[in-house]
Amino acid sequence: MSDRSISKVLCVQMQQEMAVTAIALHRYGLRTGMLPTDLSALVPKYLPALPRDYINGKTLLYRLQPDGNFVLYSATVGSKDNGGYITLLTDQRDSNQIWDGRDAVWPAPATDEEATAAMKSARN
């Protein structure tokens, strides 16, 4: 298997792990009325084990936001934790995919303004 193929497999596994973890976080929030302070609160009731970061072999990174939402991410660039940094890398254009920032960040819901802009852009 080539390095490129392995990289693609790891990216797919990472996205799956993030999706399962995001669902577990939402289930936890629905049951308790708030999000957990750390991912260990999800084990074993919502997840069988801490979610794995397939890029660096550690646990996925997570933090609560002051607005009550969460950031779930992998520190992908040199395995340096950039805090869920979503600013696009210099070689990326206007893409906004999970892998386009300094960290691979689980997508947060779009704001009303972002949704409106995206719908206008899709019509043109």
Protein backbone atom coordinates (compact mmCIF):
# COMPACT_ATOMS: atom_id res chain seq x y z
CA MET A 1 0.00 0.00 0.00
CA SER A 2 1.41 3.42 -0.90
CA ASP A 3 1.90 6.29 1.54
CA ARG A 4 -0.87 8.19 -0.21
CA SER A 5 -3.30 5.26 0.20
CA ILE A 6 -2.41 4.91 3.86
CA SER A 7 -2.93 8.62 4.37
CA LYS A 8 -6.39 8.44 2.77
CA VAL A 9 -7.38 5.48 4.97
CA LEU A 10 -6.22 7.33 8.08
CA CYS A 11 -8.18 10.43 7.09
CA VAL A 12 -11.37 8.40 6.59
CA GLN A 13 -10.88 6.63 9.92
CA MET A 14 -10.29 9.97 11.61
CA GLN A 15 -13.47 11.46 10.18
CA GLN A 16 -15.42 8.40 11.31
CA GLU A 17 -13.95 8.64 14.82
CA MET A 18 -14.81 12.34 14.97
CA ALA A 19 -18.38 11.71 13.77
CA VAL A 20 -18.96 8.97 16.37
CA THR A 21 -17.47 11.20 19.08
CA ALA A 22 -19.59 14.21 18.04
CA ILE A 23 -22.71 12.02 18.23
CA ALA A 24 -21.67 10.80 21.69
CA LEU A 25 -21.14 14.41 22.80
CA HIS A 26 -24.62 15.38 21.59
CA ARG A 27 -26.18 12.36 23.29
CA TYR A 28 -24.40 13.25 26.53
CA GLY A 29 -25.65 16.83 26.21
CA LEU A 30 -29.24 15.72 25.59
CA ARG A 31 -29.16 13.43 28.62
CA THR A 32 -27.42 15.79 31.06
CA GLY A 33 -28.35 19.23 29.75
CA MET A 34 -24.71 20.21 29.25
CA LEU A 35 -21.59 19.04 27.47
CA PRO A 36 -18.85 17.21 29.39
CA THR A 37 -15.72 19.03 30.52
CA ASP A 38 -13.56 16.30 28.96
CA LEU A 39 -13.98 13.25 26.74
CA SER A 40 -13.42 10.75 29.55
CA ALA A 41 -16.98 11.50 30.73
CA LEU A 42 -18.25 9.71 27.61
CA VAL A 43 -16.63 6.38 28.55
CA PRO A 44 -18.13 3.76 28.84
CA LYS A 45 -21.75 4.91 28.58
CA TYR A 46 -21.48 6.76 25.24
CA LEU A 47 -18.16 5.44 23.86
CA PRO A 48 -16.39 2.15 24.59
CA ALA A 49 -13.00 3.93 24.90
CA LEU A 50 -11.52 7.38 24.49
CA PRO A 51 -11.63 8.43 20.81
CA ARG A 52 -8.39 7.81 19.00
CA ASP A 53 -6.59 10.34 16.85
CA TYR A 54 -5.44 8.18 13.93
CA ILE A 55 -2.94 10.80 12.79
CA ASN A 56 -0.80 10.92 15.95
CA GLY A 57 -2.03 7.87 17.90
CA LYS A 58 -3.20 9.92 20.88
CA THR A 59 -6.71 10.82 22.04
CA LEU A 60 -8.73 13.31 19.99
CA LEU A 61 -8.58 16.82 21.36
CA TYR A 62 -11.67 18.51 22.77
CA ARG A 63 -12.61 21.74 24.50
CA LEU A 64 -15.76 23.53 25.47
CA GLN A 65 -16.46 26.94 24.01
CA PRO A 66 -17.78 29.84 26.13
CA ASP A 67 -20.97 29.79 24.02
CA GLY A 68 -21.73 26.20 25.09
CA ASN A 69 -20.58 24.55 21.85
CA PHE A 70 -17.50 22.38 21.53
CA VAL A 71 -14.40 22.04 19.40
CA LEU A 72 -13.35 18.49 18.54
CA TYR A 73 -10.12 18.23 16.58
CA SER A 74 -6.85 16.55 15.67
CA ALA A 75 -3.55 18.39 15.78
CA THR A 76 -2.43 17.49 12.27
CA VAL A 77 0.38 19.90 11.36
CA GLY A 78 3.46 18.45 13.03
CA SER A 79 1.19 17.06 15.79
CA LYS A 80 1.26 20.53 17.40
CA ASP A 81 -1.93 21.41 19.27
CA ASN A 82 -3.10 24.68 17.76
CA GLY A 83 -6.24 24.71 19.91
CA GLY A 84 -8.60 23.73 17.11
CA TYR A 85 -7.20 26.40 14.82
CA ILE A 86 -9.44 26.55 11.76
CA THR A 87 -7.73 29.29 9.73
CA LEU A 88 -6.88 27.87 6.32
CA LEU A 89 -3.31 26.92 5.56
CA THR A 90 -1.56 29.17 3.08
CA ASP A 91 -1.69 26.60 0.28
CA GLN A 92 -5.47 26.18 0.63
CA ARG A 93 -7.87 28.44 -1.17
CA ASP A 94 -11.48 28.95 -0.20
CA SER A 95 -12.25 25.33 0.60
CA ASN A 96 -13.24 24.98 4.27
CA GLN A 97 -12.94 21.21 4.55
CA ILE A 98 -12.01 19.37 7.75
CA TRP A 99 -8.35 18.98 6.64
CA ASP A 100 -7.79 22.52 5.34
CA GLY A 101 -6.73 24.19 8.61
CA ARG A 102 -3.75 23.84 10.89
CA ASP A 103 -5.84 21.36 12.92
CA ALA A 104 -8.46 18.95 11.53
CA VAL A 105 -11.59 20.35 13.20
CA TRP A 106 -15.00 18.71 13.40
CA PRO A 107 -17.30 21.17 11.64
CA ALA A 108 -19.37 23.44 13.85
CA PRO A 109 -22.87 24.35 12.67
CA ALA A 110 -22.88 27.26 10.27
CA THR A 111 -24.03 30.62 11.56
CA ASP A 112 -27.12 32.13 9.95
CA GLU A 113 -24.86 34.50 8.01
CA GLU A 114 -22.66 31.64 6.73
CA ALA A 115 -25.69 29.60 5.70
CA THR A 116 -27.22 32.56 3.84
CA ALA A 117 -23.92 33.31 2.07
CA ALA A 118 -23.51 29.64 1.08
CA MET A 119 -27.03 29.49 -0.33
CA LYS A 120 -26.45 32.69 -2.34
CA SER A 121 -23.14 31.32 -3.64
CA ALA A 122 -24.77 28.02 -4.68
CA ARG A 123 -27.38 29.87 -6.72
CA ASN A 124 -24.75 31.74 -8.76
